[in-house]
Amino acid sequence: EEARCPNIGKCFSAGEATFLILGKNCTRSCTFCNVGRGSP
């Protein structure tokens, strides 16, 4: 969800998910990524 993965329909429909631990904000600024930025 946080990275807006194009395969979310496939994975969620199969009952699967990839867990994102340690919050949803990143301390770096990779330009390809949709994960949030700011104070974690």
PDB file of all heavy atoms in Angstrom:
ATOM      1  N   GLU A   1       0.816  -1.208   0.000  1.00  0.00           N
ATOM      2  CA  GLU A   1       0.000   0.000   0.000  1.00  0.00           C
ATOM      3  C   GLU A   1       0.855   1.266   0.000  1.00  0.00           C
ATOM      4  O   GLU A   1       0.605   2.191  -0.774  1.00  0.00           O
ATOM      5  CB  GLU A   1      -0.916  -0.009   1.229  1.00  0.00           C
ATOM      6  CG  GLU A   1      -1.957  -1.120   1.200  1.00  0.00           C
ATOM      7  CD  GLU A   1      -2.751  -1.204   2.490  1.00  0.00           C
ATOM      8  OE1 GLU A   1      -2.133  -1.333   3.564  1.00  0.00           O
ATOM      9  OE2 GLU A   1      -3.991  -1.141   2.419  1.00  0.00           O
ATOM     10  N   GLU A   2       1.859   1.311   0.863  1.00  0.00           N
ATOM     11  CA  GLU A   2       2.645   2.545   1.013  1.00  0.00           C
ATOM     12  C   GLU A   2       3.456   2.856  -0.238  1.00  0.00           C
ATOM     13  O   GLU A   2       3.643   4.025  -0.596  1.00  0.00           O
ATOM     14  CB  GLU A   2       3.571   2.443   2.235  1.00  0.00           C
ATOM     15  CG  GLU A   2       2.854   2.193   3.545  1.00  0.00           C
ATOM     16  CD  GLU A   2       1.821   3.258   3.877  1.00  0.00           C
ATOM     17  OE1 GLU A   2       2.009   4.425   3.474  1.00  0.00           O
ATOM     18  OE2 GLU A   2       0.823   2.930   4.540  1.00  0.00           O
ATOM     19  N   ALA A   3       3.965   1.835  -0.920  1.00  0.00           N
ATOM     20  CA  ALA A   3       4.764   2.046  -2.129  1.00  0.00           C
ATOM     21  C   ALA A   3       3.920   2.011  -3.396  1.00  0.00           C
ATOM     22  O   ALA A   3       4.455   2.137  -4.500  1.00  0.00           O
ATOM     23  CB  ALA A   3       5.877   1.006  -2.221  1.00  0.00           C
ATOM     24  N   ARG A   4       2.611   1.798  -3.234  1.00  0.00           N
ATOM     25  CA  ARG A   4       1.686   1.710  -4.372  1.00  0.00           C
ATOM     26  C   ARG A   4       2.173   0.661  -5.382  1.00  0.00           C
ATOM     27  O   ARG A   4       2.286   0.918  -6.574  1.00  0.00           O
ATOM     28  CB  ARG A   4       1.519   3.071  -5.043  1.00  0.00           C
ATOM     29  CG  ARG A   4       0.944   4.132  -4.111  1.00  0.00           C
ATOM     30  CD  ARG A   4       0.571   5.401  -4.838  1.00  0.00           C
ATOM     31  NE  ARG A   4      -0.551   5.193  -5.748  1.00  0.00           N
ATOM     32  CZ  ARG A   4      -1.064   6.144  -6.525  1.00  0.00           C
ATOM     33  NH1 ARG A   4      -0.535   7.351  -6.516  1.00  0.00           N
ATOM     34  NH2 ARG A   4      -2.081   5.880  -7.318  1.00  0.00           N
ATOM     35  N   CYS A   5       2.424  -0.520  -4.878  1.00  0.00           N
ATOM     36  CA  CYS A   5       2.915  -1.605  -5.721  1.00  0.00           C
ATOM     37  C   CYS A   5       1.869  -1.986  -6.766  1.00  0.00           C
ATOM     38  O   CYS A   5       0.684  -2.144  -6.443  1.00  0.00           O
ATOM     39  CB  CYS A   5       3.257  -2.820  -4.858  1.00  0.00           C
ATOM     40  SG  CYS A   5       3.824  -4.240  -5.823  1.00  0.00           S
ATOM     41  N   PRO A   6       2.272  -2.167  -8.018  1.00  0.00           N
ATOM     42  CA  PRO A   6       1.298  -2.521  -9.059  1.00  0.00           C
ATOM     43  C   PRO A   6       0.713  -3.915  -8.887  1.00  0.00           C
ATOM     44  O   PRO A   6      -0.308  -4.236  -9.492  1.00  0.00           O
ATOM     45  CB  PRO A   6       2.124  -2.433 -10.353  1.00  0.00           C
ATOM     46  CG  PRO A   6       3.534  -2.662  -9.920  1.00  0.00           C
ATOM     47  CD  PRO A   6       3.642  -2.021  -8.567  1.00  0.00           C
ATOM     48  N   ASN A   7       1.347  -4.752  -8.050  1.00  0.00           N
ATOM     49  CA  ASN A   7       0.869  -6.115  -7.865  1.00  0.00           C
ATOM     50  C   ASN A   7      -0.039  -6.276  -6.651  1.00  0.00           C
ATOM     51  O   ASN A   7      -0.354  -7.402  -6.270  1.00  0.00           O
ATOM     52  CB  ASN A   7       2.069  -7.062  -7.714  1.00  0.00           C
ATOM     53  CG  ASN A   7       2.948  -7.062  -8.941  1.00  0.00           C
ATOM     54  OD1 ASN A   7       2.479  -7.233 -10.052  1.00  0.00           O
ATOM     55  ND2 ASN A   7       4.238  -6.840  -8.748  1.00  0.00           N
ATOM     56  N   ILE A   8      -0.471  -5.172  -6.065  1.00  0.00           N
ATOM     57  CA  ILE A   8      -1.277  -5.274  -4.862  1.00  0.00           C
ATOM     58  C   ILE A   8      -2.560  -6.070  -5.109  1.00  0.00           C
ATOM     59  O   ILE A   8      -2.997  -6.840  -4.248  1.00  0.00           O
ATOM     60  CB  ILE A   8      -1.596  -3.868  -4.290  1.00  0.00           C
ATOM     61  CG1 ILE A   8      -2.309  -3.985  -2.936  1.00  0.00           C
ATOM     62  CG2 ILE A   8      -2.399  -3.029  -5.279  1.00  0.00           C
ATOM     63  CD1 ILE A   8      -2.468  -2.669  -2.213  1.00  0.00           C
ATOM     64  N   GLY A   9      -3.146  -5.927  -6.290  1.00  0.00           N
ATOM     65  CA  GLY A   9      -4.355  -6.680  -6.604  1.00  0.00           C
ATOM     66  C   GLY A   9      -4.100  -8.172  -6.598  1.00  0.00           C
ATOM     67  O   GLY A   9      -4.868  -8.947  -6.012  1.00  0.00           O
ATOM     68  N   LYS A  10      -3.004  -8.577  -7.194  1.00  0.00           N
ATOM     69  CA  LYS A  10      -2.657 -10.002  -7.251  1.00  0.00           C
ATOM     70  C   LYS A  10      -2.376 -10.549  -5.861  1.00  0.00           C
ATOM     71  O   LYS A  10      -2.888 -11.614  -5.480  1.00  0.00           O
ATOM     72  CB  LYS A  10      -1.445 -10.215  -8.161  1.00  0.00           C
ATOM     73  CG  LYS A  10      -0.951 -11.653  -8.185  1.00  0.00           C
ATOM     74  CD  LYS A  10       0.271 -11.826  -9.083  1.00  0.00           C
ATOM     75  CE  LYS A  10       0.757 -13.269  -9.045  1.00  0.00           C
ATOM     76  NZ  LYS A  10       1.941 -13.487  -9.909  1.00  0.00           N
ATOM     77  N   CYS A  11      -1.553  -9.844  -5.099  1.00  0.00           N
ATOM     78  CA  CYS A  11      -1.121 -10.357  -3.800  1.00  0.00           C
ATOM     79  C   CYS A  11      -2.250 -10.348  -2.777  1.00  0.00           C
ATOM     80  O   CYS A  11      -2.476 -11.339  -2.085  1.00  0.00           O
ATOM     81  CB  CYS A  11       0.076  -9.554  -3.291  1.00  0.00           C
ATOM     82  SG  CYS A  11       1.555  -9.752  -4.322  1.00  0.00           S
ATOM     83  N   PHE A  12      -2.976  -9.233  -2.671  1.00  0.00           N
ATOM     84  CA  PHE A  12      -4.064  -9.176  -1.707  1.00  0.00           C
ATOM     85  C   PHE A  12      -5.157 -10.184  -2.064  1.00  0.00           C
ATOM     86  O   PHE A  12      -5.757 -10.793  -1.183  1.00  0.00           O
ATOM     87  CB  PHE A  12      -4.643  -7.762  -1.640  1.00  0.00           C
ATOM     88  CG  PHE A  12      -3.902  -6.833  -0.702  1.00  0.00           C
ATOM     89  CD1 PHE A  12      -2.585  -7.084  -0.347  1.00  0.00           C
ATOM     90  CD2 PHE A  12      -4.522  -5.712  -0.186  1.00  0.00           C
ATOM     91  CE1 PHE A  12      -1.893  -6.239   0.512  1.00  0.00           C
ATOM     92  CE2 PHE A  12      -3.852  -4.859   0.677  1.00  0.00           C
ATOM     93  CZ  PHE A  12      -2.540  -5.118   1.029  1.00  0.00           C
ATOM     94  N   SER A  13      -5.412 -10.364  -3.354  1.00  0.00           N
ATOM     95  CA  SER A  13      -6.428 -11.333  -3.775  1.00  0.00           C
ATOM     96  C   SER A  13      -6.029 -12.756  -3.406  1.00  0.00           C
ATOM     97  O   SER A  13      -6.888 -13.627  -3.198  1.00  0.00           O
ATOM     98  CB  SER A  13      -6.665 -11.239  -5.288  1.00  0.00           C
ATOM     99  OG  SER A  13      -7.206  -9.983  -5.630  1.00  0.00           O
ATOM    100  N   ALA A  14      -4.705 -12.991  -3.321  1.00  0.00           N
ATOM    101  CA  ALA A  14      -4.204 -14.305  -2.912  1.00  0.00           C
ATOM    102  C   ALA A  14      -4.060 -14.409  -1.395  1.00  0.00           C
ATOM    103  O   ALA A  14      -3.573 -15.428  -0.887  1.00  0.00           O
ATOM    104  CB  ALA A  14      -2.856 -14.573  -3.580  1.00  0.00           C
ATOM    105  N   GLY A  15      -4.451 -13.357  -0.677  1.00  0.00           N
ATOM    106  CA  GLY A  15      -4.352 -13.373   0.782  1.00  0.00           C
ATOM    107  C   GLY A  15      -2.956 -13.125   1.291  1.00  0.00           C
ATOM    108  O   GLY A  15      -2.612 -13.537   2.405  1.00  0.00           O
ATOM    109  N   GLU A  16      -2.115 -12.440   0.496  1.00  0.00           N
ATOM    110  CA  GLU A  16      -0.718 -12.211   0.853  1.00  0.00           C
ATOM    111  C   GLU A  16      -0.430 -10.718   0.990  1.00  0.00           C
ATOM    112  O   GLU A  16      -1.134  -9.879   0.410  1.00  0.00           O
ATOM    113  CB  GLU A  16       0.212 -12.803  -0.219  1.00  0.00           C
ATOM    114  CG  GLU A  16       0.007 -14.299  -0.434  1.00  0.00           C
ATOM    115  CD  GLU A  16       0.733 -14.797  -1.671  1.00  0.00           C
ATOM    116  OE1 GLU A  16       1.239 -13.966  -2.448  1.00  0.00           O
ATOM    117  OE2 GLU A  16       0.770 -16.027  -1.865  1.00  0.00           O
ATOM    118  N   ALA A  17       0.627 -10.394   1.743  1.00  0.00           N
ATOM    119  CA  ALA A  17       1.052  -9.004   1.900  1.00  0.00           C
ATOM    120  C   ALA A  17       2.497  -8.985   2.378  1.00  0.00           C
ATOM    121  O   ALA A  17       2.979  -9.953   2.977  1.00  0.00           O
ATOM    122  CB  ALA A  17       0.162  -8.266   2.904  1.00  0.00           C
ATOM    123  N   THR A  18       3.196  -7.888   2.095  1.00  0.00           N
ATOM    124  CA  THR A  18       4.565  -7.698   2.574  1.00  0.00           C
ATOM    125  C   THR A  18       4.545  -6.646   3.675  1.00  0.00           C
ATOM    126  O   THR A  18       4.175  -5.493   3.440  1.00  0.00           O
ATOM    127  CB  THR A  18       5.496  -7.247   1.430  1.00  0.00           C
ATOM    128  OG1 THR A  18       5.572  -8.298   0.454  1.00  0.00           O
ATOM    129  CG2 THR A  18       6.884  -6.943   1.944  1.00  0.00           C
ATOM    130  N   PHE A  19       4.941  -7.040   4.876  1.00  0.00           N
ATOM    131  CA  PHE A  19       4.847  -6.168   6.036  1.00  0.00           C
ATOM    132  C   PHE A  19       5.930  -5.084   6.012  1.00  0.00           C
ATOM    133  O   PHE A  19       7.097  -5.365   5.719  1.00  0.00           O
ATOM    134  CB  PHE A  19       4.979  -6.985   7.322  1.00  0.00           C
ATOM    135  CG  PHE A  19       3.843  -7.939   7.535  1.00  0.00           C
ATOM    136  CD1 PHE A  19       3.968  -9.272   7.183  1.00  0.00           C
ATOM    137  CD2 PHE A  19       2.643  -7.509   8.077  1.00  0.00           C
ATOM    138  CE1 PHE A  19       2.930 -10.161   7.376  1.00  0.00           C
ATOM    139  CE2 PHE A  19       1.588  -8.389   8.270  1.00  0.00           C
ATOM    140  CZ  PHE A  19       1.726  -9.720   7.919  1.00  0.00           C
ATOM    141  N   LEU A  20       5.521  -3.873   6.345  1.00  0.00           N
ATOM    142  CA  LEU A  20       6.432  -2.735   6.446  1.00  0.00           C
ATOM    143  C   LEU A  20       6.526  -2.362   7.926  1.00  0.00           C
ATOM    144  O   LEU A  20       5.596  -1.771   8.487  1.00  0.00           O
ATOM    145  CB  LEU A  20       5.902  -1.558   5.627  1.00  0.00           C
ATOM    146  CG  LEU A  20       6.802  -0.328   5.513  1.00  0.00           C
ATOM    147  CD1 LEU A  20       7.984  -0.610   4.579  1.00  0.00           C
ATOM    148  CD2 LEU A  20       6.010   0.875   4.997  1.00  0.00           C
ATOM    149  N   ILE A  21       7.644  -2.724   8.557  1.00  0.00           N
ATOM    150  CA  ILE A  21       7.815  -2.456   9.980  1.00  0.00           C
ATOM    151  C   ILE A  21       8.539  -1.125  10.187  1.00  0.00           C
ATOM    152  O   ILE A  21       8.967  -0.487   9.236  1.00  0.00           O
ATOM    153  CB  ILE A  21       8.572  -3.610  10.674  1.00  0.00           C
ATOM    154  CG1 ILE A  21      10.013  -3.731  10.135  1.00  0.00           C
ATOM    155  CG2 ILE A  21       7.824  -4.916  10.508  1.00  0.00           C
ATOM    156  CD1 ILE A  21      10.881  -4.726  10.914  1.00  0.00           C
ATOM    157  N   LEU A  22       8.648  -0.705  11.436  1.00  0.00           N
ATOM    158  CA  LEU A  22       9.381   0.508  11.805  1.00  0.00           C
ATOM    159  C   LEU A  22       8.734   1.786  11.268  1.00  0.00           C
ATOM    160  O   LEU A  22       9.418   2.768  10.963  1.00  0.00           O
ATOM    161  CB  LEU A  22      10.844   0.420  11.342  1.00  0.00           C
ATOM    162  CG  LEU A  22      11.713  -0.587  12.107  1.00  0.00           C
ATOM    163  CD1 LEU A  22      12.979  -0.918  11.317  1.00  0.00           C
ATOM    164  CD2 LEU A  22      12.074  -0.047  13.475  1.00  0.00           C
ATOM    165  N   GLY A  23       7.413   1.761  11.109  1.00  0.00           N
ATOM    166  CA  GLY A  23       6.718   2.956  10.654  1.00  0.00           C
ATOM    167  C   GLY A  23       6.642   3.056   9.149  1.00  0.00           C
ATOM    168  O   GLY A  23       7.131   2.187   8.425  1.00  0.00           O
ATOM    169  N   LYS A  24       6.042   4.155   8.671  1.00  0.00           N
ATOM    170  CA  LYS A  24       5.855   4.318   7.232  1.00  0.00           C
ATOM    171  C   LYS A  24       6.544   5.557   6.686  1.00  0.00           C
ATOM    172  O   LYS A  24       6.259   5.980   5.565  1.00  0.00           O
ATOM    173  CB  LYS A  24       4.374   4.340   6.882  1.00  0.00           C
ATOM    174  CG  LYS A  24       3.565   5.436   7.559  1.00  0.00           C
ATOM    175  CD  LYS A  24       2.114   5.355   7.118  1.00  0.00           C
ATOM    176  CE  LYS A  24       1.292   6.488   7.713  1.00  0.00           C
ATOM    177  NZ  LYS A  24      -0.106   6.440   7.245  1.00  0.00           N
ATOM    178  N   ASN A  25       7.454   6.144   7.452  1.00  0.00           N
ATOM    179  CA  ASN A  25       8.235   7.285   6.970  1.00  0.00           C
ATOM    180  C   ASN A  25       9.707   6.927   6.903  1.00  0.00           C
ATOM    181  O   ASN A  25      10.256   6.305   7.819  1.00  0.00           O
ATOM    182  CB  ASN A  25       8.047   8.506   7.877  1.00  0.00           C
ATOM    183  CG  ASN A  25       6.745   9.219   7.612  1.00  0.00           C
ATOM    184  OD1 ASN A  25       6.122   9.018   6.574  1.00  0.00           O
ATOM    185  ND2 ASN A  25       6.321  10.044   8.540  1.00  0.00           N
ATOM    186  N   CYS A  26      10.343   7.344   5.814  1.00  0.00           N
ATOM    187  CA  CYS A  26      11.742   7.020   5.546  1.00  0.00           C
ATOM    188  C   CYS A  26      12.615   8.251   5.776  1.00  0.00           C
ATOM    189  O   CYS A  26      12.188   9.382   5.568  1.00  0.00           O
ATOM    190  CB  CYS A  26      11.877   6.544   4.096  1.00  0.00           C
ATOM    191  SG  CYS A  26      13.527   5.950   3.660  1.00  0.00           S
ATOM    192  N   THR A  27      13.862   8.021   6.202  1.00  0.00           N
ATOM    193  CA  THR A  27      14.773   9.131   6.447  1.00  0.00           C
ATOM    194  C   THR A  27      15.588   9.499   5.209  1.00  0.00           C
ATOM    195  O   THR A  27      16.408  10.417   5.268  1.00  0.00           O
ATOM    196  CB  THR A  27      15.737   8.798   7.601  1.00  0.00           C
ATOM    197  OG1 THR A  27      16.402   7.558   7.321  1.00  0.00           O
ATOM    198  CG2 THR A  27      14.980   8.677   8.909  1.00  0.00           C
ATOM    199  N   ARG A  28      15.396   8.786   4.109  1.00  0.00           N
ATOM    200  CA  ARG A  28      16.081   9.132   2.861  1.00  0.00           C
ATOM    201  C   ARG A  28      15.062   9.600   1.824  1.00  0.00           C
ATOM    202  O   ARG A  28      13.858   9.599   2.082  1.00  0.00           O
ATOM    203  CB  ARG A  28      16.919   7.964   2.346  1.00  0.00           C
ATOM    204  CG  ARG A  28      18.034   7.592   3.322  1.00  0.00           C
ATOM    205  CD  ARG A  28      19.046   6.668   2.736  1.00  0.00           C
ATOM    206  NE  ARG A  28      19.850   6.067   3.792  1.00  0.00           N
ATOM    207  CZ  ARG A  28      20.685   5.059   3.621  1.00  0.00           C
ATOM    208  NH1 ARG A  28      20.838   4.526   2.402  1.00  0.00           N
ATOM    209  NH2 ARG A  28      21.374   4.565   4.638  1.00  0.00           N
ATOM    210  N   SER A  29      15.554   9.988   0.664  1.00  0.00           N
ATOM    211  CA  SER A  29      14.682  10.594  -0.349  1.00  0.00           C
ATOM    212  C   SER A  29      14.904   9.974  -1.723  1.00  0.00           C
ATOM    213  O   SER A  29      15.171  10.672  -2.700  1.00  0.00           O
ATOM    214  CB  SER A  29      14.924  12.111  -0.413  1.00  0.00           C
ATOM    215  OG  SER A  29      14.670  12.713   0.821  1.00  0.00           O
ATOM    216  N   CYS A  30      14.827   8.652  -1.804  1.00  0.00           N
ATOM    217  CA  CYS A  30      14.961   7.986  -3.098  1.00  0.00           C
ATOM    218  C   CYS A  30      13.835   8.455  -4.017  1.00  0.00           C
ATOM    219  O   CYS A  30      12.662   8.445  -3.627  1.00  0.00           O
ATOM    220  CB  CYS A  30      14.907   6.475  -2.927  1.00  0.00           C
ATOM    221  SG  CYS A  30      16.261   5.804  -1.932  1.00  0.00           S
ATOM    222  N   THR A  31      14.184   8.846  -5.216  1.00  0.00           N
ATOM    223  CA  THR A  31      13.196   9.470  -6.098  1.00  0.00           C
ATOM    224  C   THR A  31      12.203   8.479  -6.693  1.00  0.00           C
ATOM    225  O   THR A  31      11.152   8.886  -7.198  1.00  0.00           O
ATOM    226  CB  THR A  31      13.891  10.218  -7.249  1.00  0.00           C
ATOM    227  OG1 THR A  31      14.698   9.295  -7.991  1.00  0.00           O
ATOM    228  CG2 THR A  31      14.763  11.343  -6.713  1.00  0.00           C
ATOM    229  N   PHE A  32      12.502   7.188  -6.646  1.00  0.00           N
ATOM    230  CA  PHE A  32      11.613   6.196  -7.252  1.00  0.00           C
ATOM    231  C   PHE A  32      10.513   5.743  -6.297  1.00  0.00           C
ATOM    232  O   PHE A  32       9.551   5.106  -6.718  1.00  0.00           O
ATOM    233  CB  PHE A  32      12.417   4.963  -7.688  1.00  0.00           C
ATOM    234  CG  PHE A  32      13.027   4.188  -6.549  1.00  0.00           C
ATOM    235  CD1 PHE A  32      12.308   3.202  -5.889  1.00  0.00           C
ATOM    236  CD2 PHE A  32      14.321   4.456  -6.128  1.00  0.00           C
ATOM    237  CE1 PHE A  32      12.865   2.498  -4.833  1.00  0.00           C
ATOM    238  CE2 PHE A  32      14.891   3.755  -5.081  1.00  0.00           C
ATOM    239  CZ  PHE A  32      14.165   2.775  -4.433  1.00  0.00           C
ATOM    240  N   CYS A  33      10.637   6.063  -5.017  1.00  0.00           N
ATOM    241  CA  CYS A  33       9.848   5.407  -3.978  1.00  0.00           C
ATOM    242  C   CYS A  33       8.693   6.276  -3.496  1.00  0.00           C
ATOM    243  O   CYS A  33       8.828   7.497  -3.370  1.00  0.00           O
ATOM    244  CB  CYS A  33      10.763   5.048  -2.816  1.00  0.00           C
ATOM    245  SG  CYS A  33       9.948   4.088  -1.526  1.00  0.00           S
ATOM    246  N   ASN A  34       7.576   5.638  -3.179  1.00  0.00           N
ATOM    247  CA  ASN A  34       6.400   6.353  -2.700  1.00  0.00           C
ATOM    248  C   ASN A  34       6.234   6.273  -1.182  1.00  0.00           C
ATOM    249  O   ASN A  34       5.312   6.852  -0.629  1.00  0.00           O
ATOM    250  CB  ASN A  34       5.137   5.789  -3.364  1.00  0.00           C
ATOM    251  CG  ASN A  34       3.938   6.697  -3.177  1.00  0.00           C
ATOM    252  OD1 ASN A  34       3.940   7.824  -3.659  1.00  0.00           O
ATOM    253  ND2 ASN A  34       2.919   6.219  -2.483  1.00  0.00           N
ATOM    254  N   VAL A  35       7.140   5.544  -0.493  1.00  0.00           N
ATOM    255  CA  VAL A  35       7.063   5.478   0.958  1.00  0.00           C
ATOM    256  C   VAL A  35       7.250   6.887   1.520  1.00  0.00           C
ATOM    257  O   VAL A  35       8.048   7.678   1.012  1.00  0.00           O
ATOM    258  CB  VAL A  35       8.133   4.519   1.513  1.00  0.00           C
ATOM    259  CG1 VAL A  35       8.229   4.613   3.031  1.00  0.00           C
ATOM    260  CG2 VAL A  35       7.796   3.082   1.104  1.00  0.00           C
ATOM    261  N   GLY A  36       6.510   7.219   2.578  1.00  0.00           N
ATOM    262  CA  GLY A  36       6.496   8.571   3.113  1.00  0.00           C
ATOM    263  C   GLY A  36       7.843   9.063   3.599  1.00  0.00           C
ATOM    264  O   GLY A  36       8.746   8.275   3.928  1.00  0.00           O
ATOM    265  N   ARG A  37       7.988  10.372   3.653  1.00  0.00           N
ATOM    266  CA  ARG A  37       9.200  11.003   4.167  1.00  0.00           C
ATOM    267  C   ARG A  37       8.818  11.920   5.318  1.00  0.00           C
ATOM    268  O   ARG A  37       7.672  12.310   5.463  1.00  0.00           O
ATOM    269  CB  ARG A  37       9.894  11.799   3.060  1.00  0.00           C
ATOM    270  CG  ARG A  37      10.405  10.882   1.952  1.00  0.00           C
ATOM    271  CD  ARG A  37      10.688  11.629   0.674  1.00  0.00           C
ATOM    272  NE  ARG A  37      10.913  10.707  -0.427  1.00  0.00           N
ATOM    273  CZ  ARG A  37      10.841  11.015  -1.698  1.00  0.00           C
ATOM    274  NH1 ARG A  37      10.527  12.245  -2.052  1.00  0.00           N
ATOM    275  NH2 ARG A  37      11.063  10.117  -2.630  1.00  0.00           N
ATOM    276  N   GLY A  38       9.813  12.284   6.083  1.00  0.00           N
ATOM    277  CA  GLY A  38       9.542  13.145   7.224  1.00  0.00           C
ATOM    278  C   GLY A  38      10.050  12.516   8.497  1.00  0.00           C
ATOM    279  O   GLY A  38      10.852  11.576   8.470  1.00  0.00           O
ATOM    280  N   SER A  39       9.612  13.025   9.628  1.00  0.00           N
ATOM    281  CA  SER A  39      10.070  12.535  10.930  1.00  0.00           C
ATOM    282  C   SER A  39       9.391  11.205  11.247  1.00  0.00           C
ATOM    283  O   SER A  39       8.177  11.159  11.451  1.00  0.00           O
ATOM    284  CB  SER A  39       9.759  13.554  12.014  1.00  0.00           C
ATOM    285  OG  SER A  39      10.428  14.775  11.760  1.00  0.00           O
ATOM    286  N   PRO A  40      10.157  10.117  11.299  1.00  0.00           N
ATOM    287  CA  PRO A  40       9.535   8.817  11.582  1.00  0.00           C
ATOM    288  C   PRO A  40       9.086   8.731  13.038  1.00  0.00           C
ATOM    289  O   PRO A  40       9.662   9.360  13.931  1.00  0.00           O
ATOM    290  CB  PRO A  40      10.662   7.818  11.297  1.00  0.00           C
ATOM    291  CG  PRO A  40      11.721   8.584  10.572  1.00  0.00           C
ATOM    292  CD  PRO A  40      11.594   9.992  11.032  1.00  0.00           C
TER     293      PRO A  40
END
